[in-house]
Amino acid sequence: MNYCYHLSPLGPLLLVGDASGLWKIGFPEGKGKVEPSADWVESTSGLETARQQLDEYFAGDRQVFDLKLKPQGTNFQLQVLAALQTIPFGNTASYAEVAEKIGRPKAVRAVGAANGRNPLPIVIPCHRVIGANGSLTGFGGGMAAKSYLLSLEGALPATTNRDLFEQANNTDS
């Protein structure tokens, strides 16, 4: 397994993968922080396309990722990850809407847990899932990162952009 650090507006992202696809993206801090495993090799081999597409996304030139992905998880988690990939750029969905989409309308908490275990944030857009009342909810890269990504995509209502960004910056731990 190869890994490299890739500079982004959110800080250095840890990309993990190989020729078969991208396995993991780790944030520089927060719950989504990932440390390289002892058996991984520091190399960009197999990660070049992911790096390029992330740069295009952060530059505002890419709305849809076209990468070979290798997320790991239970069947339920993989269903949730597949549903997340259907949330269009610039849009958001609630946990209840995702649960409904996978045919498990009562599994809202389980959807939240699977969303929180997303091994490929940004590319599999878990940041697009918000509370039923429109509030920003947890994110492995921190609330300021979630706010940044939603703002980049134009998904935050103009009247609440500043308030949500201030809220995100005041709740980071």
C-alpha atoms as a PDB file:
ATOM      1  CA  MET A   1       0.000   0.000   0.000  1.00  0.00           C
ATOM      2  CA  ASN A   2       1.346   3.424  -0.937  1.00  0.00           C
ATOM      3  CA  TYR A   3       0.762   6.719   0.796  1.00  0.00           C
ATOM      4  CA  CYS A   4       1.652  10.348   0.333  1.00  0.00           C
ATOM      5  CA  TYR A   5       0.775  13.663   1.872  1.00  0.00           C
ATOM      6  CA  HIS A   6      -0.988  16.060  -0.460  1.00  0.00           C
ATOM      7  CA  LEU A   7      -1.244  19.773   0.302  1.00  0.00           C
ATOM      8  CA  SER A   8      -4.757  21.191   0.267  1.00  0.00           C
ATOM      9  CA  PRO A   9      -6.565  24.242   1.662  1.00  0.00           C
ATOM     10  CA  LEU A  10      -7.488  21.977   4.621  1.00  0.00           C
ATOM     11  CA  GLY A  11      -3.844  21.149   5.298  1.00  0.00           C
ATOM     12  CA  PRO A  12      -1.866  18.097   4.244  1.00  0.00           C
ATOM     13  CA  LEU A  13      -4.198  15.227   3.391  1.00  0.00           C
ATOM     14  CA  LEU A  14      -2.874  11.686   3.726  1.00  0.00           C
ATOM     15  CA  LEU A  15      -3.756   9.696   0.596  1.00  0.00           C
ATOM     16  CA  VAL A  16      -3.512   5.909   0.742  1.00  0.00           C
ATOM     17  CA  GLY A  17      -3.881   3.543  -2.190  1.00  0.00           C
ATOM     18  CA  ASP A  18      -2.282   1.579  -4.954  1.00  0.00           C
ATOM     19  CA  ALA A  19      -2.892   0.705  -8.599  1.00  0.00           C
ATOM     20  CA  SER A  20      -6.229  -0.905  -7.647  1.00  0.00           C
ATOM     21  CA  GLY A  21      -7.588   2.377  -6.285  1.00  0.00           C
ATOM     22  CA  LEU A  22      -7.763   4.925  -3.500  1.00  0.00           C
ATOM     23  CA  TRP A  23      -8.327   3.298  -0.096  1.00  0.00           C
ATOM     24  CA  LYS A  24      -8.217   6.143   2.388  1.00  0.00           C
ATOM     25  CA  ILE A  25      -7.976   9.906   2.829  1.00  0.00           C
ATOM     26  CA  GLY A  26      -6.873  11.225   6.196  1.00  0.00           C
ATOM     27  CA  PHE A  27      -7.140  14.745   7.570  1.00  0.00           C
ATOM     28  CA  PRO A  28      -4.270  16.525   9.316  1.00  0.00           C
ATOM     29  CA  GLU A  29      -6.258  16.741  12.572  1.00  0.00           C
ATOM     30  CA  GLY A  30      -9.522  15.760  14.233  1.00  0.00           C
ATOM     31  CA  LYS A  31     -11.289  12.400  14.286  1.00  0.00           C
ATOM     32  CA  GLY A  32     -10.339  11.876  10.643  1.00  0.00           C
ATOM     33  CA  LYS A  33      -6.605  12.031  11.294  1.00  0.00           C
ATOM     34  CA  VAL A  34      -4.806   9.009   9.876  1.00  0.00           C
ATOM     35  CA  GLU A  35      -1.221   7.974  10.556  1.00  0.00           C
ATOM     36  CA  PRO A  36       0.746   5.860   8.074  1.00  0.00           C
ATOM     37  CA  SER A  37       0.843   2.166   8.896  1.00  0.00           C
ATOM     38  CA  ALA A  38       4.268   0.536   9.287  1.00  0.00           C
ATOM     39  CA  ASP A  39       3.675  -1.632   6.208  1.00  0.00           C
ATOM     40  CA  TRP A  40       2.787   1.275   3.885  1.00  0.00           C
ATOM     41  CA  VAL A  41       5.346   2.705   1.470  1.00  0.00           C
ATOM     42  CA  GLU A  42       5.729   6.451   1.013  1.00  0.00           C
ATOM     43  CA  SER A  43       5.202   6.860  -2.718  1.00  0.00           C
ATOM     44  CA  THR A  44       2.866   8.718  -5.057  1.00  0.00           C
ATOM     45  CA  SER A  45       2.618   5.644  -7.299  1.00  0.00           C
ATOM     46  CA  GLY A  46      -1.057   4.926  -7.959  1.00  0.00           C
ATOM     47  CA  LEU A  47      -2.103   8.205  -6.306  1.00  0.00           C
ATOM     48  CA  GLU A  48      -1.344  10.682  -9.119  1.00  0.00           C
ATOM     49  CA  THR A  49      -4.905  10.859 -10.474  1.00  0.00           C
ATOM     50  CA  ALA A  50      -6.368  11.362  -6.998  1.00  0.00           C
ATOM     51  CA  ARG A  51      -3.908  14.182  -6.341  1.00  0.00           C
ATOM     52  CA  GLN A  52      -4.771  15.863  -9.650  1.00  0.00           C
ATOM     53  CA  GLN A  53      -8.527  15.567  -9.142  1.00  0.00           C
ATOM     54  CA  LEU A  54      -8.328  16.895  -5.566  1.00  0.00           C
ATOM     55  CA  ASP A  55      -6.379  19.912  -6.862  1.00  0.00           C
ATOM     56  CA  GLU A  56      -9.045  20.481  -9.525  1.00  0.00           C
ATOM     57  CA  TYR A  57     -11.807  20.202  -6.907  1.00  0.00           C
ATOM     58  CA  PHE A  58     -10.172  22.694  -4.554  1.00  0.00           C
ATOM     59  CA  ALA A  59      -9.556  25.062  -7.496  1.00  0.00           C
ATOM     60  CA  GLY A  60     -13.280  24.953  -8.308  1.00  0.00           C
ATOM     61  CA  ASP A  61     -12.697  23.129 -11.600  1.00  0.00           C
ATOM     62  CA  ARG A  62     -14.103  19.696 -10.639  1.00  0.00           C
ATOM     63  CA  GLN A  63     -17.515  18.771  -9.265  1.00  0.00           C
ATOM     64  CA  VAL A  64     -17.440  14.987  -9.723  1.00  0.00           C
ATOM     65  CA  PHE A  65     -14.545  12.662  -8.929  1.00  0.00           C
ATOM     66  CA  ASP A  66     -13.689   9.922 -11.401  1.00  0.00           C
ATOM     67  CA  LEU A  67     -11.414   7.644  -9.398  1.00  0.00           C
ATOM     68  CA  LYS A  68     -11.103   3.945  -8.682  1.00  0.00           C
ATOM     69  CA  LEU A  69     -12.164   3.709  -5.036  1.00  0.00           C
ATOM     70  CA  LYS A  70     -11.579   0.833  -2.629  1.00  0.00           C
ATOM     71  CA  PRO A  71     -13.503   1.744   0.534  1.00  0.00           C
ATOM     72  CA  GLN A  72     -13.598  -0.902   3.234  1.00  0.00           C
ATOM     73  CA  GLY A  73     -16.583  -1.525   5.507  1.00  0.00           C
ATOM     74  CA  THR A  74     -19.597  -3.668   6.250  1.00  0.00           C
ATOM     75  CA  ASN A  75     -22.292  -4.134   3.609  1.00  0.00           C
ATOM     76  CA  PHE A  76     -24.392  -1.514   5.405  1.00  0.00           C
ATOM     77  CA  GLN A  77     -21.499   0.972   5.516  1.00  0.00           C
ATOM     78  CA  LEU A  78     -20.821   0.428   1.820  1.00  0.00           C
ATOM     79  CA  GLN A  79     -24.518   1.052   1.059  1.00  0.00           C
ATOM     80  CA  VAL A  80     -24.308   4.348   2.929  1.00  0.00           C
ATOM     81  CA  LEU A  81     -21.098   5.300   1.091  1.00  0.00           C
ATOM     82  CA  ALA A  82     -22.776   4.532  -2.243  1.00  0.00           C
ATOM     83  CA  ALA A  83     -25.741   6.724  -1.273  1.00  0.00           C
ATOM     84  CA  LEU A  84     -23.417   9.574  -0.290  1.00  0.00           C
ATOM     85  CA  GLN A  85     -21.951   9.521  -3.775  1.00  0.00           C
ATOM     86  CA  THR A  86     -25.378  10.342  -5.219  1.00  0.00           C
ATOM     87  CA  ILE A  87     -25.638  13.667  -3.339  1.00  0.00           C
ATOM     88  CA  PRO A  88     -24.854  16.195  -6.071  1.00  0.00           C
ATOM     89  CA  PHE A  89     -22.167  18.846  -5.787  1.00  0.00           C
ATOM     90  CA  GLY A  90     -23.613  21.972  -4.197  1.00  0.00           C
ATOM     91  CA  ASN A  91     -26.408  20.067  -2.453  1.00  0.00           C
ATOM     92  CA  THR A  92     -26.902  18.588   0.987  1.00  0.00           C
ATOM     93  CA  ALA A  93     -28.977  15.789   2.463  1.00  0.00           C
ATOM     94  CA  SER A  94     -30.007  14.886   5.993  1.00  0.00           C
ATOM     95  CA  TYR A  95     -29.133  11.617   7.693  1.00  0.00           C
ATOM     96  CA  ALA A  96     -32.829  10.694   7.460  1.00  0.00           C
ATOM     97  CA  GLU A  97     -32.796  11.296   3.705  1.00  0.00           C
ATOM     98  CA  VAL A  98     -29.756   9.041   3.311  1.00  0.00           C
ATOM     99  CA  ALA A  99     -31.440   6.360   5.452  1.00  0.00           C
ATOM    100  CA  GLU A 100     -34.530   6.606   3.253  1.00  0.00           C
ATOM    101  CA  LYS A 101     -32.406   6.380   0.107  1.00  0.00           C
ATOM    102  CA  ILE A 102     -30.913   3.039   1.180  1.00  0.00           C
ATOM    103  CA  GLY A 103     -34.334   1.690   2.148  1.00  0.00           C
ATOM    104  CA  ARG A 104     -33.703   1.799   5.908  1.00  0.00           C
ATOM    105  CA  PRO A 105     -35.715   4.836   7.084  1.00  0.00           C
ATOM    106  CA  LYS A 106     -35.374   3.941  10.779  1.00  0.00           C
ATOM    107  CA  ALA A 107     -31.585   3.530  10.615  1.00  0.00           C
ATOM    108  CA  VAL A 108     -30.803   7.241  10.935  1.00  0.00           C
ATOM    109  CA  ARG A 109     -28.279   6.772  13.769  1.00  0.00           C
ATOM    110  CA  ALA A 110     -26.600   3.870  11.982  1.00  0.00           C
ATOM    111  CA  VAL A 111     -26.353   6.019   8.859  1.00  0.00           C
ATOM    112  CA  GLY A 112     -24.704   8.712  10.976  1.00  0.00           C
ATOM    113  CA  ALA A 113     -22.203   6.200  12.336  1.00  0.00           C
ATOM    114  CA  ALA A 114     -21.415   4.849   8.853  1.00  0.00           C
ATOM    115  CA  ASN A 115     -21.073   8.404   7.559  1.00  0.00           C
ATOM    116  CA  GLY A 116     -18.582   9.101  10.349  1.00  0.00           C
ATOM    117  CA  ARG A 117     -16.497   6.062   9.352  1.00  0.00           C
ATOM    118  CA  ASN A 118     -16.174   7.160   5.718  1.00  0.00           C
ATOM    119  CA  PRO A 119     -12.611   6.237   4.746  1.00  0.00           C
ATOM    120  CA  LEU A 120     -12.660   8.536   1.699  1.00  0.00           C
ATOM    121  CA  PRO A 121     -13.965  11.941   2.819  1.00  0.00           C
ATOM    122  CA  ILE A 122     -14.220  14.693   0.216  1.00  0.00           C
ATOM    123  CA  VAL A 123     -14.225  12.148  -2.640  1.00  0.00           C
ATOM    124  CA  ILE A 124     -17.165  10.322  -1.044  1.00  0.00           C
ATOM    125  CA  PRO A 125     -18.921  13.503   0.090  1.00  0.00           C
ATOM    126  CA  CYS A 126     -19.904  12.850   3.703  1.00  0.00           C
ATOM    127  CA  HIS A 127     -19.497  16.609   4.265  1.00  0.00           C
ATOM    128  CA  ARG A 128     -22.755  17.063   2.333  1.00  0.00           C
ATOM    129  CA  VAL A 129     -24.763  15.390   5.099  1.00  0.00           C
ATOM    130  CA  ILE A 130     -26.223  17.868   7.572  1.00  0.00           C
ATOM    131  CA  GLY A 131     -28.744  17.838  10.389  1.00  0.00           C
ATOM    132  CA  ALA A 132     -32.458  17.657   9.611  1.00  0.00           C
ATOM    133  CA  ASN A 133     -32.776  21.274  10.770  1.00  0.00           C
ATOM    134  CA  GLY A 134     -30.046  22.402   8.345  1.00  0.00           C
ATOM    135  CA  SER A 135     -27.335  22.631  10.990  1.00  0.00           C
ATOM    136  CA  LEU A 136     -23.798  21.478  10.398  1.00  0.00           C
ATOM    137  CA  THR A 137     -23.058  18.239  12.200  1.00  0.00           C
ATOM    138  CA  GLY A 138     -19.826  16.403  13.000  1.00  0.00           C
ATOM    139  CA  PHE A 139     -17.074  15.898  10.463  1.00  0.00           C
ATOM    140  CA  GLY A 140     -13.814  13.971  10.740  1.00  0.00           C
ATOM    141  CA  GLY A 141     -11.783  16.931   9.498  1.00  0.00           C
ATOM    142  CA  GLY A 142     -13.430  19.346  11.933  1.00  0.00           C
ATOM    143  CA  MET A 143     -16.335  21.715  11.565  1.00  0.00           C
ATOM    144  CA  ALA A 144     -14.277  24.489   9.955  1.00  0.00           C
ATOM    145  CA  ALA A 145     -13.246  22.015   7.232  1.00  0.00           C
ATOM    146  CA  LYS A 146     -16.870  20.965   6.674  1.00  0.00           C
ATOM    147  CA  SER A 147     -17.945  24.585   6.470  1.00  0.00           C
ATOM    148  CA  TYR A 148     -15.115  25.291   4.010  1.00  0.00           C
ATOM    149  CA  LEU A 149     -16.075  22.367   1.746  1.00  0.00           C
ATOM    150  CA  LEU A 150     -19.767  23.288   1.729  1.00  0.00           C
ATOM    151  CA  SER A 151     -18.892  26.920   1.012  1.00  0.00           C
ATOM    152  CA  LEU A 152     -16.558  25.848  -1.812  1.00  0.00           C
ATOM    153  CA  GLU A 153     -19.477  23.942  -3.335  1.00  0.00           C
ATOM    154  CA  GLY A 154     -21.958  26.778  -2.780  1.00  0.00           C
ATOM    155  CA  ALA A 155     -24.093  24.555  -0.559  1.00  0.00           C
ATOM    156  CA  LEU A 156     -24.404  26.939   2.380  1.00  0.00           C
ATOM    157  CA  PRO A 157     -27.275  29.415   2.148  1.00  0.00           C
ATOM    158  CA  ALA A 158     -25.904  32.911   1.638  1.00  0.00           C
ATOM    159  CA  THR A 159     -27.757  34.246   4.678  1.00  0.00           C
ATOM    160  CA  THR A 160     -26.097  31.769   7.027  1.00  0.00           C
ATOM    161  CA  ASN A 161     -22.584  31.371   5.553  1.00  0.00           C
ATOM    162  CA  ARG A 162     -20.921  33.703   8.052  1.00  0.00           C
ATOM    163  CA  ASP A 163     -22.851  32.386  11.051  1.00  0.00           C
ATOM    164  CA  LEU A 164     -22.081  28.769  10.178  1.00  0.00           C
ATOM    165  CA  PHE A 165     -18.406  29.532   9.624  1.00  0.00           C
ATOM    166  CA  GLU A 166     -18.209  31.312  12.981  1.00  0.00           C
ATOM    167  CA  GLN A 167     -20.068  28.426  14.639  1.00  0.00           C
ATOM    168  CA  ALA A 168     -17.677  25.925  13.026  1.00  0.00           C
ATOM    169  CA  ASN A 169     -14.614  27.841  14.175  1.00  0.00           C
ATOM    170  CA  ASN A 170     -15.938  28.132  17.711  1.00  0.00           C
ATOM    171  CA  THR A 171     -16.726  24.420  18.057  1.00  0.00           C
ATOM    172  CA  ASP A 172     -13.494  22.886  16.750  1.00  0.00           C
ATOM    173  CA  SER A 173     -11.674  20.845  19.318  1.00  0.00           C
END
